[in-house]
Amino acid sequence: MIVITGGGTGGHLVIAKAIKEELNRRGIKPIFIGSTYGQDRKWFENDEGWEATYFFDTSGVMNKKGVYKIISLLNILKFTFKCYSIFKKYKVEKVFSVGGYSAGPASFGAVFFGKKFFIHEQNASMGRLNRLLTPFAKKVFSSFFYNDPYPVRKEFFEKYRVRKELKTIIFLGGSQGAKAINSFAFEVAKMRKFNIIHQTGEKDFKRCEKFYRENNLNVDYFAFSNNLVDKITKADFAVSRAGASTLFELVSNGVPTLFVPYPYSAGNHQYYNAQFLVNNGLAFLEFEKNLDKNFFEKIDNSELEKISKNLKKINNQNGVKLIVDTMIGY
């Protein structure tokens, strides 16, 4: 039996889902161990692809201070021993961590109780839990550190196309939204030069809806979409946060992108994620405070086409299969 653990945010959970689906295709139903905080329960509580799901009352440690940090650590330790009974009940042999605070109990449990342990590090700046546990892992998968392919849904590869002309821009602030990117989308939409697709996020949806209606702007805006691949495929260019999963989805679909890193990401990892592409001439990067709608006037269509073609070389559509092959092979 295999346990998949970790989450908190969509970037972690999309990896967990991809690995779970590949295991399902092979007739294997894994177990998920996550947290009651974050998005874990929303994603997986009613997902029949799991043999069982567990959501522990655990939260992050690094954002805590003093006695609250100690309480959080003790809580993780308590649920680490809870994992022992889960491992025993289901005869668990392997634990696959996608990182995040949700991964703490099952990851420590894998180390303490002698299970084969695997890590997927999404970002160009390794998370603290992953850094701590790397010496105990059989294998650490990373697109940034070890050139491993990044697990991305096959639809992003199948619907890849070369972008040759800038007509449609998609704005992506993640499932929670990004107010700065949303406000930037308003400025670009008012230019009335481009078709606009806009993922607003749930928290800022009403403000965005009010703006587009009051200004009579024909924009495809939405809080969240389960069919984001089709939205992205329609775009010739993206303005996006630089979470690793979104970054590699855009890469795999061939979308040139202006990345606007979340300034408070742990270890500033979104900046380093984007810089990985920028250093290779495959993306643009700007900080929130410097966003300027005139940016799009400077984009040359030949440069757009060159970037779109070269993005195809960055990722491998067999990423999920290769990871699962490696894990099962141990």
C-alpha atoms as a PDB file:
ATOM      1  CA  MET A   1       0.000   0.000   0.000  1.00  0.00           C
ATOM      2  CA  ILE A   2       1.124   3.544  -0.801  1.00  0.00           C
ATOM      3  CA  VAL A   3       0.388   6.716   1.165  1.00  0.00           C
ATOM      4  CA  ILE A   4       0.391  10.130  -0.524  1.00  0.00           C
ATOM      5  CA  THR A   5       0.716  13.026   1.897  1.00  0.00           C
ATOM      6  CA  GLY A   6       0.984  16.798   1.872  1.00  0.00           C
ATOM      7  CA  GLY A   7      -0.934  19.740   0.526  1.00  0.00           C
ATOM      8  CA  GLY A   8      -2.371  22.884   2.028  1.00  0.00           C
ATOM      9  CA  THR A   9      -2.336  24.700  -1.312  1.00  0.00           C
ATOM     10  CA  GLY A  10      -3.434  23.793  -4.816  1.00  0.00           C
ATOM     11  CA  GLY A  11       0.168  23.673  -6.025  1.00  0.00           C
ATOM     12  CA  HIS A  12       0.918  20.758  -3.720  1.00  0.00           C
ATOM     13  CA  LEU A  13      -2.430  19.053  -4.165  1.00  0.00           C
ATOM     14  CA  VAL A  14      -2.320  18.997  -7.962  1.00  0.00           C
ATOM     15  CA  ILE A  15       0.801  16.803  -7.691  1.00  0.00           C
ATOM     16  CA  ALA A  16      -0.921  14.505  -5.202  1.00  0.00           C
ATOM     17  CA  LYS A  17      -3.872  14.211  -7.572  1.00  0.00           C
ATOM     18  CA  ALA A  18      -1.661  13.458 -10.589  1.00  0.00           C
ATOM     19  CA  ILE A  19       0.192  10.675  -8.752  1.00  0.00           C
ATOM     20  CA  LYS A  20      -3.088   9.265  -7.418  1.00  0.00           C
ATOM     21  CA  GLU A  21      -4.620   9.160 -10.890  1.00  0.00           C
ATOM     22  CA  GLU A  22      -1.593   7.366 -12.352  1.00  0.00           C
ATOM     23  CA  LEU A  23      -1.780   4.791  -9.549  1.00  0.00           C
ATOM     24  CA  ASN A  24      -5.512   4.397 -10.215  1.00  0.00           C
ATOM     25  CA  ARG A  25      -4.758   3.654 -13.878  1.00  0.00           C
ATOM     26  CA  ARG A  26      -2.605   0.799 -12.615  1.00  0.00           C
ATOM     27  CA  GLY A  27      -5.336  -0.567 -10.396  1.00  0.00           C
ATOM     28  CA  ILE A  28      -3.915   0.890  -7.168  1.00  0.00           C
ATOM     29  CA  LYS A  29      -5.933   2.969  -4.703  1.00  0.00           C
ATOM     30  CA  PRO A  30      -3.551   4.845  -2.382  1.00  0.00           C
ATOM     31  CA  ILE A  31      -4.299   6.479   0.969  1.00  0.00           C
ATOM     32  CA  PHE A  32      -4.227  10.244   1.444  1.00  0.00           C
ATOM     33  CA  ILE A  33      -3.082  11.880   4.681  1.00  0.00           C
ATOM     34  CA  GLY A  34      -3.488  15.644   4.896  1.00  0.00           C
ATOM     35  CA  SER A  35      -4.746  18.440   7.122  1.00  0.00           C
ATOM     36  CA  THR A  36      -8.080  19.963   8.069  1.00  0.00           C
ATOM     37  CA  TYR A  37      -6.532  23.344   7.255  1.00  0.00           C
ATOM     38  CA  GLY A  38      -5.931  24.575   3.712  1.00  0.00           C
ATOM     39  CA  GLN A  39      -7.622  22.946   0.725  1.00  0.00           C
ATOM     40  CA  ASP A  40      -6.898  19.240   1.371  1.00  0.00           C
ATOM     41  CA  ARG A  41     -10.391  18.242   2.435  1.00  0.00           C
ATOM     42  CA  LYS A  42     -12.051  20.259  -0.335  1.00  0.00           C
ATOM     43  CA  TRP A  43      -9.968  18.456  -2.943  1.00  0.00           C
ATOM     44  CA  PHE A  44     -10.028  14.884  -1.720  1.00  0.00           C
ATOM     45  CA  GLU A  45     -12.646  14.125   0.927  1.00  0.00           C
ATOM     46  CA  ASN A  46     -15.163  12.805  -1.612  1.00  0.00           C
ATOM     47  CA  ASP A  47     -12.659  11.465  -4.150  1.00  0.00           C
ATOM     48  CA  GLU A  48     -13.326   7.762  -4.726  1.00  0.00           C
ATOM     49  CA  GLY A  49      -9.821   7.232  -6.123  1.00  0.00           C
ATOM     50  CA  TRP A  50      -8.495   6.856  -2.587  1.00  0.00           C
ATOM     51  CA  GLU A  51      -8.650   3.715  -0.454  1.00  0.00           C
ATOM     52  CA  ALA A  52      -9.052   6.028   2.550  1.00  0.00           C
ATOM     53  CA  THR A  53      -8.480   9.696   3.429  1.00  0.00           C
ATOM     54  CA  TYR A  54      -7.328  11.178   6.739  1.00  0.00           C
ATOM     55  CA  PHE A  55      -7.311  14.863   7.656  1.00  0.00           C
ATOM     56  CA  PHE A  56      -5.414  15.780  10.809  1.00  0.00           C
ATOM     57  CA  ASP A  57      -5.799  18.965  12.834  1.00  0.00           C
ATOM     58  CA  THR A  58      -2.282  20.162  11.980  1.00  0.00           C
ATOM     59  CA  SER A  59      -1.050  23.549  10.787  1.00  0.00           C
ATOM     60  CA  GLY A  60       2.192  25.243   9.785  1.00  0.00           C
ATOM     61  CA  VAL A  61       5.055  25.650  12.240  1.00  0.00           C
ATOM     62  CA  MET A  62       7.272  28.305  10.651  1.00  0.00           C
ATOM     63  CA  ASN A  63       4.663  31.072  10.898  1.00  0.00           C
ATOM     64  CA  LYS A  64       4.226  30.453  14.633  1.00  0.00           C
ATOM     65  CA  LYS A  65       6.150  32.098  17.485  1.00  0.00           C
ATOM     66  CA  GLY A  66       7.103  31.092  21.008  1.00  0.00           C
ATOM     67  CA  VAL A  67       4.779  28.685  22.771  1.00  0.00           C
ATOM     68  CA  TYR A  68       2.538  28.376  19.692  1.00  0.00           C
ATOM     69  CA  LYS A  69       5.430  26.947  17.686  1.00  0.00           C
ATOM     70  CA  ILE A  70       6.011  24.324  20.425  1.00  0.00           C
ATOM     71  CA  ILE A  71       2.303  23.452  20.534  1.00  0.00           C
ATOM     72  CA  SER A  72       2.228  23.018  16.777  1.00  0.00           C
ATOM     73  CA  LEU A  73       5.302  20.754  16.847  1.00  0.00           C
ATOM     74  CA  LEU A  74       3.810  18.616  19.621  1.00  0.00           C
ATOM     75  CA  ASN A  75       0.591  18.336  17.640  1.00  0.00           C
ATOM     76  CA  ILE A  76       2.484  17.075  14.585  1.00  0.00           C
ATOM     77  CA  LEU A  77       4.305  14.557  16.804  1.00  0.00           C
ATOM     78  CA  LYS A  78       0.977  13.318  18.164  1.00  0.00           C
ATOM     79  CA  PHE A  79      -0.375  12.666  14.683  1.00  0.00           C
ATOM     80  CA  THR A  80       2.917  11.098  13.614  1.00  0.00           C
ATOM     81  CA  PHE A  81       2.160   8.278  16.049  1.00  0.00           C
ATOM     82  CA  LYS A  82      -1.423   8.182  14.776  1.00  0.00           C
ATOM     83  CA  CYS A  83       0.113   7.369  11.381  1.00  0.00           C
ATOM     84  CA  TYR A  84       1.669   4.246  12.884  1.00  0.00           C
ATOM     85  CA  SER A  85      -1.775   2.692  13.359  1.00  0.00           C
ATOM     86  CA  ILE A  86      -2.761   3.709   9.789  1.00  0.00           C
ATOM     87  CA  PHE A  87       0.426   2.179   8.377  1.00  0.00           C
ATOM     88  CA  LYS A  88      -0.195  -1.012  10.327  1.00  0.00           C
ATOM     89  CA  LYS A  89      -3.882  -1.267   9.375  1.00  0.00           C
ATOM     90  CA  TYR A  90      -3.249  -0.910   5.634  1.00  0.00           C
ATOM     91  CA  LYS A  91       0.192  -2.555   5.533  1.00  0.00           C
ATOM     92  CA  VAL A  92       1.744   0.601   4.118  1.00  0.00           C
ATOM     93  CA  GLU A  93       5.155   0.128   2.498  1.00  0.00           C
ATOM     94  CA  LYS A  94       5.775   3.479   0.799  1.00  0.00           C
ATOM     95  CA  VAL A  95       5.045   7.133   1.552  1.00  0.00           C
ATOM     96  CA  PHE A  96       5.124   9.835  -1.151  1.00  0.00           C
ATOM     97  CA  SER A  97       5.244  13.439   0.089  1.00  0.00           C
ATOM     98  CA  VAL A  98       4.316  16.453  -2.005  1.00  0.00           C
ATOM     99  CA  GLY A  99       5.422  18.813   0.782  1.00  0.00           C
ATOM    100  CA  GLY A 100       3.630  21.496   2.748  1.00  0.00           C
ATOM    101  CA  TYR A 101       2.740  21.400   6.450  1.00  0.00           C
ATOM    102  CA  SER A 102       0.092  18.739   5.737  1.00  0.00           C
ATOM    103  CA  ALA A 103       2.925  16.310   4.978  1.00  0.00           C
ATOM    104  CA  GLY A 104       4.517  16.518   8.437  1.00  0.00           C
ATOM    105  CA  PRO A 105       2.951  13.599  10.357  1.00  0.00           C
ATOM    106  CA  ALA A 106       3.047  10.959   7.605  1.00  0.00           C
ATOM    107  CA  SER A 107       6.528  12.037   6.454  1.00  0.00           C
ATOM    108  CA  PHE A 108       7.996  11.800   9.947  1.00  0.00           C
ATOM    109  CA  GLY A 109       6.058   8.559  10.368  1.00  0.00           C
ATOM    110  CA  ALA A 110       7.700   7.129   7.250  1.00  0.00           C
ATOM    111  CA  VAL A 111      11.140   7.937   8.674  1.00  0.00           C
ATOM    112  CA  PHE A 112      10.409   6.780  12.232  1.00  0.00           C
ATOM    113  CA  PHE A 113       8.666   3.555  11.244  1.00  0.00           C
ATOM    114  CA  GLY A 114      10.948   2.438   8.426  1.00  0.00           C
ATOM    115  CA  LYS A 115       8.804   2.997   5.330  1.00  0.00           C
ATOM    116  CA  LYS A 116      10.270   3.724   1.905  1.00  0.00           C
ATOM    117  CA  PHE A 117      10.010   7.478   1.617  1.00  0.00           C
ATOM    118  CA  PHE A 118       9.840   9.686  -1.507  1.00  0.00           C
ATOM    119  CA  ILE A 119       9.638  13.459  -1.882  1.00  0.00           C
ATOM    120  CA  HIS A 120       8.448  15.682  -4.697  1.00  0.00           C
ATOM    121  CA  GLU A 121       9.824  19.209  -4.366  1.00  0.00           C
ATOM    122  CA  GLN A 122       7.824  21.567  -6.571  1.00  0.00           C
ATOM    123  CA  ASN A 123       9.850  24.724  -6.230  1.00  0.00           C
ATOM    124  CA  ALA A 124      13.260  26.195  -7.057  1.00  0.00           C
ATOM    125  CA  SER A 125      13.709  27.008  -3.358  1.00  0.00           C
ATOM    126  CA  MET A 126      13.289  23.826  -1.320  1.00  0.00           C
ATOM    127  CA  GLY A 127      10.783  23.885   1.550  1.00  0.00           C
ATOM    128  CA  ARG A 128      12.103  23.461   5.086  1.00  0.00           C
ATOM    129  CA  LEU A 129      10.346  20.155   5.729  1.00  0.00           C
ATOM    130  CA  ASN A 130      11.750  18.709   2.520  1.00  0.00           C
ATOM    131  CA  ARG A 131      15.249  19.979   3.332  1.00  0.00           C
ATOM    132  CA  LEU A 132      15.047  18.361   6.751  1.00  0.00           C
ATOM    133  CA  LEU A 133      13.853  14.991   5.437  1.00  0.00           C
ATOM    134  CA  THR A 134      15.823  14.754   2.180  1.00  0.00           C
ATOM    135  CA  PRO A 135      18.611  12.617   3.765  1.00  0.00           C
ATOM    136  CA  PHE A 136      16.000   9.970   4.662  1.00  0.00           C
ATOM    137  CA  ALA A 137      14.326   9.792   1.239  1.00  0.00           C
ATOM    138  CA  LYS A 138      14.943   7.039  -1.282  1.00  0.00           C
ATOM    139  CA  LYS A 139      14.464   9.624  -4.023  1.00  0.00           C
ATOM    140  CA  VAL A 140      13.767  13.343  -4.233  1.00  0.00           C
ATOM    141  CA  PHE A 141      12.055  14.395  -7.465  1.00  0.00           C
ATOM    142  CA  SER A 142      12.668  17.973  -8.618  1.00  0.00           C
ATOM    143  CA  SER A 143      12.433  19.675 -11.997  1.00  0.00           C
ATOM    144  CA  PHE A 144      14.606  22.545 -10.790  1.00  0.00           C
ATOM    145  CA  PHE A 145      17.357  20.650  -8.953  1.00  0.00           C
ATOM    146  CA  TYR A 146      17.533  17.307 -10.761  1.00  0.00           C
ATOM    147  CA  ASN A 147      15.882  18.009 -14.132  1.00  0.00           C
ATOM    148  CA  ASP A 148      13.069  15.535 -13.413  1.00  0.00           C
ATOM    149  CA  PRO A 149       9.952  16.046 -15.548  1.00  0.00           C
ATOM    150  CA  TYR A 150       7.186  17.934 -13.751  1.00  0.00           C
ATOM    151  CA  PRO A 151       3.866  16.068 -13.378  1.00  0.00           C
ATOM    152  CA  VAL A 152       1.359  17.920 -15.553  1.00  0.00           C
ATOM    153  CA  ARG A 153      -1.989  16.719 -16.909  1.00  0.00           C
ATOM    154  CA  LYS A 154      -1.578  15.293 -20.406  1.00  0.00           C
ATOM    155  CA  GLU A 155      -4.219  17.697 -21.773  1.00  0.00           C
ATOM    156  CA  PHE A 156      -1.770  20.604 -21.444  1.00  0.00           C
ATOM    157  CA  PHE A 157       0.650  18.772 -23.748  1.00  0.00           C
ATOM    158  CA  GLU A 158      -2.041  17.527 -26.125  1.00  0.00           C
ATOM    159  CA  LYS A 159      -3.443  21.044 -26.607  1.00  0.00           C
ATOM    160  CA  TYR A 160      -0.035  22.686 -27.047  1.00  0.00           C
ATOM    161  CA  ARG A 161       0.187  25.207 -29.870  1.00  0.00           C
ATOM    162  CA  VAL A 162       2.747  27.764 -31.013  1.00  0.00           C
ATOM    163  CA  ARG A 163       1.711  31.335 -30.187  1.00  0.00           C
ATOM    164  CA  LYS A 164       2.433  33.625 -33.147  1.00  0.00           C
ATOM    165  CA  GLU A 165       0.373  36.731 -32.430  1.00  0.00           C
ATOM    166  CA  LEU A 166      -0.781  38.461 -29.270  1.00  0.00           C
ATOM    167  CA  LYS A 167      -4.573  38.614 -29.319  1.00  0.00           C
ATOM    168  CA  THR A 168      -5.731  37.001 -26.057  1.00  0.00           C
ATOM    169  CA  ILE A 169      -4.248  37.384 -22.556  1.00  0.00           C
ATOM    170  CA  ILE A 170      -5.114  35.217 -19.561  1.00  0.00           C
ATOM    171  CA  PHE A 171      -4.631  36.525 -16.005  1.00  0.00           C
ATOM    172  CA  LEU A 172      -3.979  33.853 -13.367  1.00  0.00           C
ATOM    173  CA  GLY A 173      -3.734  34.683  -9.685  1.00  0.00           C
ATOM    174  CA  GLY A 174      -4.266  31.150  -8.414  1.00  0.00           C
ATOM    175  CA  SER A 175      -7.357  29.660  -6.775  1.00  0.00           C
ATOM    176  CA  GLN A 176      -7.267  32.300  -4.022  1.00  0.00           C
ATOM    177  CA  GLY A 177      -6.712  35.125  -6.481  1.00  0.00           C
ATOM    178  CA  ALA A 178      -4.176  37.959  -6.494  1.00  0.00           C
ATOM    179  CA  LYS A 179      -5.503  41.477  -6.022  1.00  0.00           C
ATOM    180  CA  ALA A 180      -2.518  43.133  -7.702  1.00  0.00           C
ATOM    181  CA  ILE A 181      -2.857  40.958 -10.812  1.00  0.00           C
ATOM    182  CA  ASN A 182      -6.613  41.545 -10.844  1.00  0.00           C
ATOM    183  CA  SER A 183      -6.131  45.319 -10.752  1.00  0.00           C
ATOM    184  CA  PHE A 184      -3.541  45.048 -13.522  1.00  0.00           C
ATOM    185  CA  ALA A 185      -6.083  43.081 -15.585  1.00  0.00           C
ATOM    186  CA  PHE A 186      -8.500  46.007 -15.209  1.00  0.00           C
ATOM    187  CA  GLU A 187      -5.950  48.409 -16.713  1.00  0.00           C
ATOM    188  CA  VAL A 188      -5.211  46.106 -19.646  1.00  0.00           C
ATOM    189  CA  ALA A 189      -8.914  45.435 -20.262  1.00  0.00           C
ATOM    190  CA  LYS A 190      -9.600  49.180 -20.463  1.00  0.00           C
ATOM    191  CA  MET A 191      -7.163  49.380 -23.395  1.00  0.00           C
ATOM    192  CA  ARG A 192      -9.704  47.307 -25.393  1.00  0.00           C
ATOM    193  CA  LYS A 193      -6.889  45.933 -27.564  1.00  0.00           C
ATOM    194  CA  PHE A 194      -6.915  42.340 -26.359  1.00  0.00           C
ATOM    195  CA  ASN A 195      -9.346  39.575 -25.537  1.00  0.00           C
ATOM    196  CA  ILE A 196      -9.179  38.992 -21.781  1.00  0.00           C
ATOM    197  CA  ILE A 197      -9.578  35.746 -19.819  1.00  0.00           C
ATOM    198  CA  HIS A 198      -9.412  36.349 -16.086  1.00  0.00           C
ATOM    199  CA  GLN A 199      -9.248  33.944 -13.155  1.00  0.00           C
ATOM    200  CA  THR A 200     -10.125  36.308 -10.302  1.00  0.00           C
ATOM    201  CA  GLY A 201     -10.034  33.939  -7.342  1.00  0.00           C
ATOM    202  CA  GLU A 202     -12.952  33.600  -4.958  1.00  0.00           C
ATOM    203  CA  LYS A 203     -11.980  36.388  -2.529  1.00  0.00           C
ATOM    204  CA  ASP A 204     -11.845  39.143  -5.145  1.00  0.00           C
ATOM    205  CA  PHE A 205     -14.520  37.924  -7.540  1.00  0.00           C
ATOM    206  CA  LYS A 206     -17.237  40.429  -6.573  1.00  0.00           C
ATOM    207  CA  ARG A 207     -14.896  43.408  -6.999  1.00  0.00           C
ATOM    208  CA  CYS A 208     -13.847  42.155 -10.433  1.00  0.00           C
ATOM    209  CA  GLU A 209     -17.416  41.437 -11.475  1.00  0.00           C
ATOM    210  CA  LYS A 210     -18.475  44.955 -10.426  1.00  0.00           C
ATOM    211  CA  PHE A 211     -15.636  46.546 -12.415  1.00  0.00           C
ATOM    212  CA  TYR A 212     -16.300  44.662 -15.650  1.00  0.00           C
ATOM    213  CA  ARG A 213     -20.039  45.280 -15.495  1.00  0.00           C
ATOM    214  CA  GLU A 214     -19.735  48.969 -14.695  1.00  0.00           C
ATOM    215  CA  ASN A 215     -17.258  49.468 -17.548  1.00  0.00           C
ATOM    216  CA  ASN A 216     -19.238  47.316 -19.977  1.00  0.00           C
ATOM    217  CA  LEU A 217     -16.201  45.188 -20.776  1.00  0.00           C
ATOM    218  CA  ASN A 218     -16.607  41.872 -22.571  1.00  0.00           C
ATOM    219  CA  VAL A 219     -14.294  39.693 -20.440  1.00  0.00           C
ATOM    220  CA  ASP A 220     -14.339  35.962 -19.696  1.00  0.00           C
ATOM    221  CA  TYR A 221     -13.948  36.222 -15.911  1.00  0.00           C
ATOM    222  CA  PHE A 222     -14.479  33.524 -13.305  1.00  0.00           C
ATOM    223  CA  ALA A 223     -13.492  32.777  -9.715  1.00  0.00           C
ATOM    224  CA  PHE A 224     -12.344  29.206 -10.315  1.00  0.00           C
ATOM    225  CA  SER A 225     -12.549  26.705 -13.154  1.00  0.00           C
ATOM    226  CA  ASN A 226     -12.216  22.926 -13.273  1.00  0.00           C
ATOM    227  CA  ASN A 227     -11.509  23.281 -16.984  1.00  0.00           C
ATOM    228  CA  LEU A 228      -8.578  25.669 -16.792  1.00  0.00           C
ATOM    229  CA  VAL A 229      -6.676  23.841 -19.523  1.00  0.00           C
ATOM    230  CA  ASP A 230      -9.197  25.039 -22.136  1.00  0.00           C
ATOM    231  CA  LYS A 231      -8.998  28.603 -20.826  1.00  0.00           C
ATOM    232  CA  ILE A 232      -5.189  28.551 -21.002  1.00  0.00           C
ATOM    233  CA  THR A 233      -5.203  26.984 -24.467  1.00  0.00           C
ATOM    234  CA  LYS A 234      -7.190  29.933 -25.836  1.00  0.00           C
ATOM    235  CA  ALA A 235      -4.591  32.424 -24.600  1.00  0.00           C
ATOM    236  CA  ASP A 236      -1.595  33.735 -26.527  1.00  0.00           C
ATOM    237  CA  PHE A 237       0.027  35.156 -23.407  1.00  0.00           C
ATOM    238  CA  ALA A 238      -0.365  34.870 -19.628  1.00  0.00           C
ATOM    239  CA  VAL A 239       0.136  37.095 -16.619  1.00  0.00           C
ATOM    240  CA  SER A 240       0.488  34.762 -13.672  1.00  0.00           C
ATOM    241  CA  ARG A 241       1.754  34.013 -10.214  1.00  0.00           C
ATOM    242  CA  ALA A 242       4.769  31.702 -10.302  1.00  0.00           C
ATOM    243  CA  GLY A 243       3.657  28.683  -8.308  1.00  0.00           C
ATOM    244  CA  ALA A 244       5.444  25.680  -9.806  1.00  0.00           C
ATOM    245  CA  SER A 245       2.361  23.753 -10.938  1.00  0.00           C
ATOM    246  CA  THR A 246       0.882  26.725 -12.794  1.00  0.00           C
ATOM    247  CA  LEU A 247       4.308  27.568 -14.218  1.00  0.00           C
ATOM    248  CA  PHE A 248       4.781  24.100 -15.708  1.00  0.00           C
ATOM    249  CA  GLU A 249       1.208  23.955 -17.003  1.00  0.00           C
ATOM    250  CA  LEU A 250       1.902  27.145 -18.954  1.00  0.00           C
ATOM    251  CA  VAL A 251       5.258  25.755 -20.110  1.00  0.00           C
ATOM    252  CA  SER A 252       3.686  22.502 -21.279  1.00  0.00           C
ATOM    253  CA  ASN A 253       1.024  24.349 -23.258  1.00  0.00           C
ATOM    254  CA  GLY A 254       3.562  26.725 -24.837  1.00  0.00           C
ATOM    255  CA  VAL A 255       2.242  29.966 -23.311  1.00  0.00           C
ATOM    256  CA  PRO A 256       4.724  32.867 -23.041  1.00  0.00           C
ATOM    257  CA  THR A 257       4.190  34.432 -19.624  1.00  0.00           C
ATOM    258  CA  LEU A 258       4.846  37.502 -17.523  1.00  0.00           C
ATOM    259  CA  PHE A 259       5.322  36.098 -14.034  1.00  0.00           C
ATOM    260  CA  VAL A 260       4.411  38.245 -11.030  1.00  0.00           C
ATOM    261  CA  PRO A 261       5.745  36.350  -7.988  1.00  0.00           C
ATOM    262  CA  TYR A 262       3.785  36.359  -4.743  1.00  0.00           C
ATOM    263  CA  PRO A 263       6.051  38.561  -2.597  1.00  0.00           C
ATOM    264  CA  TYR A 264       5.431  36.610   0.617  1.00  0.00           C
ATOM    265  CA  SER A 265       5.987  33.078  -0.670  1.00  0.00           C
ATOM    266  CA  ALA A 266       8.127  30.909   1.619  1.00  0.00           C
ATOM    267  CA  GLY A 267      11.791  31.359   0.803  1.00  0.00           C
ATOM    268  CA  ASN A 268      10.698  33.707  -2.008  1.00  0.00           C
ATOM    269  CA  HIS A 269      10.290  30.498  -4.032  1.00  0.00           C
ATOM    270  CA  GLN A 270       7.963  32.011  -6.644  1.00  0.00           C
ATOM    271  CA  TYR A 271      10.662  34.490  -7.642  1.00  0.00           C
ATOM    272  CA  TYR A 272      13.209  31.695  -8.077  1.00  0.00           C
ATOM    273  CA  ASN A 273      10.699  29.541  -9.974  1.00  0.00           C
ATOM    274  CA  ALA A 274      10.156  32.315 -12.509  1.00  0.00           C
ATOM    275  CA  GLN A 275      13.850  33.179 -12.653  1.00  0.00           C
ATOM    276  CA  PHE A 276      14.563  29.615 -13.822  1.00  0.00           C
ATOM    277  CA  LEU A 277      12.711  30.408 -17.076  1.00  0.00           C
ATOM    278  CA  VAL A 278      13.780  34.047 -17.319  1.00  0.00           C
ATOM    279  CA  ASN A 279      17.456  33.057 -17.199  1.00  0.00           C
ATOM    280  CA  ASN A 280      16.838  30.869 -20.256  1.00  0.00           C
ATOM    281  CA  GLY A 281      15.017  33.598 -22.167  1.00  0.00           C
ATOM    282  CA  LEU A 282      11.696  31.770 -21.860  1.00  0.00           C
ATOM    283  CA  ALA A 283       9.618  34.134 -19.711  1.00  0.00           C
ATOM    284  CA  PHE A 284       9.286  37.654 -18.348  1.00  0.00           C
ATOM    285  CA  LEU A 285       9.271  38.682 -14.687  1.00  0.00           C
ATOM    286  CA  GLU A 286       8.011  41.781 -12.919  1.00  0.00           C
ATOM    287  CA  PHE A 287       7.200  42.725  -9.336  1.00  0.00           C
ATOM    288  CA  GLU A 288       3.691  43.833  -8.391  1.00  0.00           C
ATOM    289  CA  LYS A 289       4.649  47.473  -7.782  1.00  0.00           C
ATOM    290  CA  ASN A 290       6.156  47.811 -11.272  1.00  0.00           C
ATOM    291  CA  LEU A 291       3.311  46.410 -13.379  1.00  0.00           C
ATOM    292  CA  ASP A 292       2.699  48.604 -16.408  1.00  0.00           C
ATOM    293  CA  LYS A 293       0.033  48.087 -19.066  1.00  0.00           C
ATOM    294  CA  ASN A 294       2.469  49.482 -21.672  1.00  0.00           C
ATOM    295  CA  PHE A 295       4.455  46.256 -21.290  1.00  0.00           C
ATOM    296  CA  PHE A 296       2.333  44.662 -24.011  1.00  0.00           C
ATOM    297  CA  GLU A 297       3.235  47.350 -26.527  1.00  0.00           C
ATOM    298  CA  LYS A 298       6.850  46.135 -26.360  1.00  0.00           C
ATOM    299  CA  ILE A 299       6.173  42.491 -27.177  1.00  0.00           C
ATOM    300  CA  ASP A 300       7.324  41.465 -30.626  1.00  0.00           C
ATOM    301  CA  ASN A 301       5.374  38.649 -32.295  1.00  0.00           C
ATOM    302  CA  SER A 302       8.558  36.955 -33.507  1.00  0.00           C
ATOM    303  CA  GLU A 303       9.817  36.846 -29.922  1.00  0.00           C
ATOM    304  CA  LEU A 304       6.469  35.435 -28.846  1.00  0.00           C
ATOM    305  CA  GLU A 305       6.737  32.633 -31.404  1.00  0.00           C
ATOM    306  CA  LYS A 306      10.339  31.834 -30.488  1.00  0.00           C
ATOM    307  CA  ILE A 307       9.531  31.539 -26.776  1.00  0.00           C
ATOM    308  CA  SER A 308       6.443  29.428 -27.440  1.00  0.00           C
ATOM    309  CA  LYS A 309       8.417  26.961 -29.569  1.00  0.00           C
ATOM    310  CA  ASN A 310      11.261  26.669 -27.061  1.00  0.00           C
ATOM    311  CA  LEU A 311       8.969  26.118 -24.089  1.00  0.00           C
ATOM    312  CA  LYS A 312       8.065  22.724 -25.537  1.00  0.00           C
ATOM    313  CA  LYS A 313      11.597  21.507 -24.797  1.00  0.00           C
ATOM    314  CA  ILE A 314      11.396  22.173 -21.049  1.00  0.00           C
ATOM    315  CA  ASN A 315       9.037  19.469 -19.801  1.00  0.00           C
ATOM    316  CA  ASN A 316       8.244  15.814 -20.533  1.00  0.00           C
ATOM    317  CA  GLN A 317       4.652  14.628 -20.779  1.00  0.00           C
ATOM    318  CA  ASN A 318       5.601  11.308 -19.189  1.00  0.00           C
ATOM    319  CA  GLY A 319       6.526  12.981 -15.894  1.00  0.00           C
ATOM    320  CA  VAL A 320       3.833  11.311 -13.785  1.00  0.00           C
ATOM    321  CA  LYS A 321       4.513   7.891 -15.275  1.00  0.00           C
ATOM    322  CA  LEU A 322       8.262   8.163 -14.707  1.00  0.00           C
ATOM    323  CA  ILE A 323       7.796   9.174 -11.066  1.00  0.00           C
ATOM    324  CA  VAL A 324       5.370   6.331 -10.351  1.00  0.00           C
ATOM    325  CA  ASP A 325       7.599   3.839 -12.200  1.00  0.00           C
ATOM    326  CA  THR A 326      10.523   4.858  -9.995  1.00  0.00           C
ATOM    327  CA  MET A 327       8.519   4.688  -6.778  1.00  0.00           C
ATOM    328  CA  ILE A 328       6.977   1.297  -7.559  1.00  0.00           C
ATOM    329  CA  GLY A 329      10.359  -0.024  -8.691  1.00  0.00           C
ATOM    330  CA  TYR A 330      11.819   0.338  -5.192  1.00  0.00           C
END
